[in-house]
Amino acid sequence: MKKTIFMVLLAIFLTTTVGCIGVQGGSDVVKPEQTLGQELIDLKKAKEDGAITNKEYEKLKKKLLDQYE
């Protein structure tokens, strides 16, 4: 009985560990960077949706534009 429980727990552990390794092992995956234009569009949408204030929008927009100079 103890051996069966041990085997089940071992199987669960190995299954979850292998799954985690598979997900984290993707070091070759390259995340595409957003363009300045897309970042500005996203920022404007956040302002229009009410997620940020006009003042925050202007501050963040200036910060983005300064980064690309």
PDB file of N, CA and C in Angstrom:
ATOM      1  N   MET A   1       0.836  -1.202   0.000  1.00  0.00           N
ATOM      2  CA  MET A   1       0.000   0.000   0.000  1.00  0.00           C
ATOM      3  C   MET A   1       0.871   1.252   0.000  1.00  0.00           C
ATOM      4  N   LYS A   2       1.885   1.286   0.891  1.00  0.00           N
ATOM      5  CA  LYS A   2       2.768   2.455   0.945  1.00  0.00           C
ATOM      6  C   LYS A   2       3.523   2.618  -0.356  1.00  0.00           C
ATOM      7  N   LYS A   3       3.897   1.461  -0.962  1.00  0.00           N
ATOM      8  CA  LYS A   3       4.634   1.515  -2.223  1.00  0.00           C
ATOM      9  C   LYS A   3       3.759   2.114  -3.329  1.00  0.00           C
ATOM     10  N   THR A   4       2.476   1.766  -3.341  1.00  0.00           N
ATOM     11  CA  THR A   4       1.549   2.294  -4.342  1.00  0.00           C
ATOM     12  C   THR A   4       1.382   3.800  -4.185  1.00  0.00           C
ATOM     13  N   ILE A   5       1.215   4.267  -2.954  1.00  0.00           N
ATOM     14  CA  ILE A   5       1.070   5.704  -2.703  1.00  0.00           C
ATOM     15  C   ILE A   5       2.341   6.431  -3.126  1.00  0.00           C
ATOM     16  N   PHE A   6       3.488   5.853  -2.788  1.00  0.00           N
ATOM     17  CA  PHE A   6       4.763   6.455  -3.174  1.00  0.00           C
ATOM     18  C   PHE A   6       4.867   6.570  -4.690  1.00  0.00           C
ATOM     19  N   MET A   7       4.486   5.517  -5.418  1.00  0.00           N
ATOM     20  CA  MET A   7       4.576   5.522  -6.882  1.00  0.00           C
ATOM     21  C   MET A   7       3.641   6.571  -7.488  1.00  0.00           C
ATOM     22  N   VAL A   8       2.449   6.705  -6.926  1.00  0.00           N
ATOM     23  CA  VAL A   8       1.501   7.709  -7.419  1.00  0.00           C
ATOM     24  C   VAL A   8       2.059   9.110  -7.190  1.00  0.00           C
ATOM     25  N   LEU A   9       2.572   9.364  -5.996  1.00  0.00           N
ATOM     26  CA  LEU A   9       3.142  10.675  -5.695  1.00  0.00           C
ATOM     27  C   LEU A   9       4.358  10.962  -6.571  1.00  0.00           C
ATOM     28  N   LEU A  10       5.182   9.940  -6.801  1.00  0.00           N
ATOM     29  CA  LEU A  10       6.345  10.106  -7.662  1.00  0.00           C
ATOM     30  C   LEU A  10       5.912  10.433  -9.094  1.00  0.00           C
ATOM     31  N   ALA A  11       4.883   9.753  -9.574  1.00  0.00           N
ATOM     32  CA  ALA A  11       4.374  10.009 -10.923  1.00  0.00           C
ATOM     33  C   ALA A  11       3.839  11.430 -11.048  1.00  0.00           C
ATOM     34  N   ILE A  12       3.115  11.882 -10.031  1.00  0.00           N
ATOM     35  CA  ILE A  12       2.593  13.256 -10.046  1.00  0.00           C
ATOM     36  C   ILE A  12       3.743  14.255 -10.029  1.00  0.00           C
ATOM     37  N   PHE A  13       4.725  14.031  -9.187  1.00  0.00           N
ATOM     38  CA  PHE A  13       5.879  14.924  -9.096  1.00  0.00           C
ATOM     39  C   PHE A  13       6.613  14.998 -10.428  1.00  0.00           C
ATOM     40  N   LEU A  14       6.892  13.853 -11.027  1.00  0.00           N
ATOM     41  CA  LEU A  14       7.621  13.844 -12.293  1.00  0.00           C
ATOM     42  C   LEU A  14       6.822  14.500 -13.413  1.00  0.00           C
ATOM     43  N   THR A  15       5.530  14.293 -13.426  1.00  0.00           N
ATOM     44  CA  THR A  15       4.687  14.905 -14.446  1.00  0.00           C
ATOM     45  C   THR A  15       4.700  16.422 -14.343  1.00  0.00           C
ATOM     46  N   THR A  16       4.556  16.937 -13.136  1.00  0.00           N
ATOM     47  CA  THR A  16       4.540  18.391 -12.974  1.00  0.00           C
ATOM     48  C   THR A  16       5.922  18.987 -13.176  1.00  0.00           C
ATOM     49  N   THR A  17       6.962  18.278 -12.770  1.00  0.00           N
ATOM     50  CA  THR A  17       8.324  18.785 -12.942  1.00  0.00           C
ATOM     51  C   THR A  17       8.695  18.847 -14.414  1.00  0.00           C
ATOM     52  N   VAL A  18       8.399  17.802 -15.147  1.00  0.00           N
ATOM     53  CA  VAL A  18       8.707  17.778 -16.578  1.00  0.00           C
ATOM     54  C   VAL A  18       7.941  18.878 -17.296  1.00  0.00           C
ATOM     55  N   GLY A  19       6.698  19.105 -16.902  1.00  0.00           N
ATOM     56  CA  GLY A  19       5.919  20.179 -17.512  1.00  0.00           C
ATOM     57  C   GLY A  19       6.536  21.531 -17.261  1.00  0.00           C
ATOM     58  N   CYS A  20       7.021  21.754 -16.054  1.00  0.00           N
ATOM     59  CA  CYS A  20       7.648  23.032 -15.719  1.00  0.00           C
ATOM     60  C   CYS A  20       8.951  23.217 -16.471  1.00  0.00           C
ATOM     61  N   ILE A  21       9.722  22.153 -16.573  1.00  0.00           N
ATOM     62  CA  ILE A  21      10.994  22.236 -17.288  1.00  0.00           C
ATOM     63  C   ILE A  21      10.741  22.544 -18.755  1.00  0.00           C
ATOM     64  N   GLY A  22       9.718  21.917 -19.307  1.00  0.00           N
ATOM     65  CA  GLY A  22       9.402  22.154 -20.712  1.00  0.00           C
ATOM     66  C   GLY A  22       9.008  23.591 -20.971  1.00  0.00           C
ATOM     67  N   VAL A  23       8.287  24.187 -20.061  1.00  0.00           N
ATOM     68  CA  VAL A  23       7.840  25.565 -20.237  1.00  0.00           C
ATOM     69  C   VAL A  23       9.006  26.529 -20.064  1.00  0.00           C
ATOM     70  N   GLN A  24       9.815  26.309 -19.045  1.00  0.00           N
ATOM     71  CA  GLN A  24      10.909  27.225 -18.762  1.00  0.00           C
ATOM     72  C   GLN A  24      12.117  26.985 -19.649  1.00  0.00           C
ATOM     73  N   GLY A  25      12.189  25.847 -20.289  1.00  0.00           N
ATOM     74  CA  GLY A  25      13.355  25.521 -21.098  1.00  0.00           C
ATOM     75  C   GLY A  25      13.386  26.226 -22.433  1.00  0.00           C
ATOM     76  N   GLY A  26      12.430  27.061 -22.729  1.00  0.00           N
ATOM     77  CA  GLY A  26      12.369  27.740 -24.024  1.00  0.00           C
ATOM     78  C   GLY A  26      13.209  28.997 -24.091  1.00  0.00           C
ATOM     79  N   SER A  27      14.488  28.886 -23.808  1.00  0.00           N
ATOM     80  CA  SER A  27      15.336  30.078 -23.823  1.00  0.00           C
ATOM     81  C   SER A  27      15.555  30.615 -25.228  1.00  0.00           C
ATOM     82  N   ASP A  28      15.234  29.808 -26.248  1.00  0.00           N
ATOM     83  CA  ASP A  28      15.400  30.256 -27.620  1.00  0.00           C
ATOM     84  C   ASP A  28      14.229  31.103 -28.102  1.00  0.00           C
ATOM     85  N   VAL A  29      13.180  31.191 -27.295  1.00  0.00           N
ATOM     86  CA  VAL A  29      12.003  31.972 -27.667  1.00  0.00           C
ATOM     87  C   VAL A  29      12.336  33.448 -27.536  1.00  0.00           C
ATOM     88  N   VAL A  30      12.105  34.187 -28.608  1.00  0.00           N
ATOM     89  CA  VAL A  30      12.389  35.618 -28.613  1.00  0.00           C
ATOM     90  C   VAL A  30      11.080  36.373 -28.588  1.00  0.00           C
ATOM     91  N   LYS A  31      10.922  37.235 -27.605  1.00  0.00           N
ATOM     92  CA  LYS A  31       9.715  38.040 -27.500  1.00  0.00           C
ATOM     93  C   LYS A  31       9.899  39.270 -28.392  1.00  0.00           C
ATOM     94  N   PRO A  32       9.033  39.445 -29.371  1.00  0.00           N
ATOM     95  CA  PRO A  32       9.172  40.609 -30.240  1.00  0.00           C
ATOM     96  C   PRO A  32       8.934  41.898 -29.466  1.00  0.00           C
ATOM     97  N   GLU A  33       9.773  42.877 -29.721  1.00  0.00           N
ATOM     98  CA  GLU A  33       9.601  44.163 -29.050  1.00  0.00           C
ATOM     99  C   GLU A  33       8.561  44.984 -29.794  1.00  0.00           C
ATOM    100  N   GLN A  34       7.814  45.780 -29.043  1.00  0.00           N
ATOM    101  CA  GLN A  34       6.822  46.641 -29.662  1.00  0.00           C
ATOM    102  C   GLN A  34       7.536  47.833 -30.302  1.00  0.00           C
ATOM    103  N   THR A  35       6.949  48.319 -31.354  1.00  0.00           N
ATOM    104  CA  THR A  35       7.468  49.524 -31.980  1.00  0.00           C
ATOM    105  C   THR A  35       6.981  50.738 -31.201  1.00  0.00           C
ATOM    106  N   LEU A  36       7.618  51.860 -31.427  1.00  0.00           N
ATOM    107  CA  LEU A  36       7.195  53.101 -30.774  1.00  0.00           C
ATOM    108  C   LEU A  36       5.746  53.402 -31.124  1.00  0.00           C
ATOM    109  N   GLY A  37       5.400  53.211 -32.382  1.00  0.00           N
ATOM    110  CA  GLY A  37       4.034  53.484 -32.817  1.00  0.00           C
ATOM    111  C   GLY A  37       3.011  52.645 -32.065  1.00  0.00           C
ATOM    112  N   GLN A  38       3.302  51.351 -31.895  1.00  0.00           N
ATOM    113  CA  GLN A  38       2.371  50.470 -31.195  1.00  0.00           C
ATOM    114  C   GLN A  38       2.274  50.852 -29.728  1.00  0.00           C
ATOM    115  N   GLU A  39       3.395  51.217 -29.111  1.00  0.00           N
ATOM    116  CA  GLU A  39       3.361  51.629 -27.709  1.00  0.00           C
ATOM    117  C   GLU A  39       2.529  52.898 -27.542  1.00  0.00           C
ATOM    118  N   LEU A  40       2.641  53.827 -28.479  1.00  0.00           N
ATOM    119  CA  LEU A  40       1.845  55.057 -28.404  1.00  0.00           C
ATOM    120  C   LEU A  40       0.359  54.763 -28.603  1.00  0.00           C
ATOM    121  N   ILE A  41       0.042  53.859 -29.514  1.00  0.00           N
ATOM    122  CA  ILE A  41      -1.352  53.463 -29.736  1.00  0.00           C
ATOM    123  C   ILE A  41      -1.928  52.828 -28.474  1.00  0.00           C
ATOM    124  N   ASP A  42      -1.154  51.926 -27.854  1.00  0.00           N
ATOM    125  CA  ASP A  42      -1.608  51.270 -26.623  1.00  0.00           C
ATOM    126  C   ASP A  42      -1.809  52.285 -25.499  1.00  0.00           C
ATOM    127  N   LEU A  43      -0.906  53.237 -25.421  1.00  0.00           N
ATOM    128  CA  LEU A  43      -0.995  54.266 -24.386  1.00  0.00           C
ATOM    129  C   LEU A  43      -2.239  55.132 -24.589  1.00  0.00           C
ATOM    130  N   LYS A  44      -2.497  55.506 -25.847  1.00  0.00           N
ATOM    131  CA  LYS A  44      -3.677  56.320 -26.149  1.00  0.00           C
ATOM    132  C   LYS A  44      -4.959  55.554 -25.822  1.00  0.00           C
ATOM    133  N   LYS A  45      -4.972  54.260 -26.133  1.00  0.00           N
ATOM    134  CA  LYS A  45      -6.149  53.445 -25.827  1.00  0.00           C
ATOM    135  C   LYS A  45      -6.371  53.368 -24.313  1.00  0.00           C
ATOM    136  N   ALA A  46      -5.292  53.268 -23.548  1.00  0.00           N
ATOM    137  CA  ALA A  46      -5.416  53.233 -22.090  1.00  0.00           C
ATOM    138  C   ALA A  46      -6.048  54.524 -21.580  1.00  0.00           C
ATOM    139  N   LYS A  47      -5.658  55.654 -22.180  1.00  0.00           N
ATOM    140  CA  LYS A  47      -6.241  56.946 -21.790  1.00  0.00           C
ATOM    141  C   LYS A  47      -7.717  57.004 -22.165  1.00  0.00           C
ATOM    142  N   GLU A  48      -8.027  56.593 -23.380  1.00  0.00           N
ATOM    143  CA  GLU A  48      -9.418  56.634 -23.851  1.00  0.00           C
ATOM    144  C   GLU A  48     -10.318  55.698 -23.042  1.00  0.00           C
ATOM    145  N   ASP A  49      -9.765  54.576 -22.594  1.00  0.00           N
ATOM    146  CA  ASP A  49     -10.542  53.614 -21.800  1.00  0.00           C
ATOM    147  C   ASP A  49     -10.647  54.020 -20.337  1.00  0.00           C
ATOM    148  N   GLY A  50      -9.959  55.085 -19.957  1.00  0.00           N
ATOM    149  CA  GLY A  50     -10.024  55.565 -18.588  1.00  0.00           C
ATOM    150  C   GLY A  50      -9.068  54.868 -17.632  1.00  0.00           C
ATOM    151  N   ALA A  51      -8.138  54.077 -18.172  1.00  0.00           N
ATOM    152  CA  ALA A  51      -7.183  53.366 -17.328  1.00  0.00           C
ATOM    153  C   ALA A  51      -6.142  54.320 -16.750  1.00  0.00           C
ATOM    154  N   ILE A  52      -5.850  55.388 -17.483  1.00  0.00           N
ATOM    155  CA  ILE A  52      -4.914  56.415 -17.013  1.00  0.00           C
ATOM    156  C   ILE A  52      -5.515  57.789 -17.273  1.00  0.00           C
ATOM    157  N   THR A  53      -5.062  58.767 -16.507  1.00  0.00           N
ATOM    158  CA  THR A  53      -5.554  60.133 -16.679  1.00  0.00           C
ATOM    159  C   THR A  53      -4.819  60.807 -17.834  1.00  0.00           C
ATOM    160  N   ASN A  54      -5.327  61.953 -18.261  1.00  0.00           N
ATOM    161  CA  ASN A  54      -4.684  62.709 -19.321  1.00  0.00           C
ATOM    162  C   ASN A  54      -3.269  63.128 -18.899  1.00  0.00           C
ATOM    163  N   LYS A  55      -3.133  63.510 -17.621  1.00  0.00           N
ATOM    164  CA  LYS A  55      -1.816  63.909 -17.110  1.00  0.00           C
ATOM    165  C   LYS A  55      -0.832  62.739 -17.162  1.00  0.00           C
ATOM    166  N   GLU A  56      -1.298  61.540 -16.747  1.00  0.00           N
ATOM    167  CA  GLU A  56      -0.444  60.351 -16.803  1.00  0.00           C
ATOM    168  C   GLU A  56      -0.082  60.017 -18.251  1.00  0.00           C
ATOM    169  N   TYR A  57      -1.072  60.172 -19.148  1.00  0.00           N
ATOM    170  CA  TYR A  57      -0.843  59.910 -20.570  1.00  0.00           C
ATOM    171  C   TYR A  57       0.267  60.803 -21.105  1.00  0.00           C
ATOM    172  N   GLU A  58       0.181  62.090 -20.831  1.00  0.00           N
ATOM    173  CA  GLU A  58       1.188  63.029 -21.337  1.00  0.00           C
ATOM    174  C   GLU A  58       2.574  62.703 -20.771  1.00  0.00           C
ATOM    175  N   LYS A  59       2.631  62.357 -19.496  1.00  0.00           N
ATOM    176  CA  LYS A  59       3.907  62.039 -18.852  1.00  0.00           C
ATOM    177  C   LYS A  59       4.529  60.784 -19.477  1.00  0.00           C
ATOM    178  N   LEU A  60       3.705  59.740 -19.633  1.00  0.00           N
ATOM    179  CA  LEU A  60       4.196  58.487 -20.196  1.00  0.00           C
ATOM    180  C   LEU A  60       4.552  58.623 -21.675  1.00  0.00           C
ATOM    181  N   LYS A  61       3.774  59.416 -22.391  1.00  0.00           N
ATOM    182  CA  LYS A  61       4.069  59.653 -23.810  1.00  0.00           C
ATOM    183  C   LYS A  61       5.413  60.347 -23.966  1.00  0.00           C
ATOM    184  N   LYS A  62       5.672  61.351 -23.132  1.00  0.00           N
ATOM    185  CA  LYS A  62       6.953  62.060 -23.180  1.00  0.00           C
ATOM    186  C   LYS A  62       8.097  61.103 -22.857  1.00  0.00           C
ATOM    187  N   LYS A  63       7.889  60.244 -21.858  1.00  0.00           N
ATOM    188  CA  LYS A  63       8.914  59.277 -21.470  1.00  0.00           C
ATOM    189  C   LYS A  63       9.237  58.331 -22.636  1.00  0.00           C
ATOM    190  N   LEU A  64       8.193  57.859 -23.319  1.00  0.00           N
ATOM    191  CA  LEU A  64       8.407  56.988 -24.472  1.00  0.00           C
ATOM    192  C   LEU A  64       9.178  57.685 -25.577  1.00  0.00           C
ATOM    193  N   LEU A  65       8.749  58.895 -25.884  1.00  0.00           N
ATOM    194  CA  LEU A  65       9.406  59.635 -26.974  1.00  0.00           C
ATOM    195  C   LEU A  65      10.856  59.956 -26.626  1.00  0.00           C
ATOM    196  N   ASP A  66      11.130  60.241 -25.369  1.00  0.00           N
ATOM    197  CA  ASP A  66      12.506  60.517 -24.944  1.00  0.00           C
ATOM    198  C   ASP A  66      13.380  59.279 -25.069  1.00  0.00           C
ATOM    199  N   GLN A  67      12.815  58.111 -24.839  1.00  0.00           N
ATOM    200  CA  GLN A  67      13.576  56.859 -24.958  1.00  0.00           C
ATOM    201  C   GLN A  67      14.002  56.584 -26.386  1.00  0.00           C
ATOM    202  N   TYR A  68      13.231  57.040 -27.355  1.00  0.00           N
ATOM    203  CA  TYR A  68      13.510  56.740 -28.762  1.00  0.00           C
ATOM    204  C   TYR A  68      14.335  57.819 -29.441  1.00  0.00           C
ATOM    205  N   GLU A  69      14.747  58.828 -28.735  1.00  0.00           N
ATOM    206  CA  GLU A  69      15.549  59.890 -29.364  1.00  0.00           C
ATOM    207  C   GLU A  69      16.972  59.472 -29.518  1.00  0.00           C
TER     208      GLU A  69
END
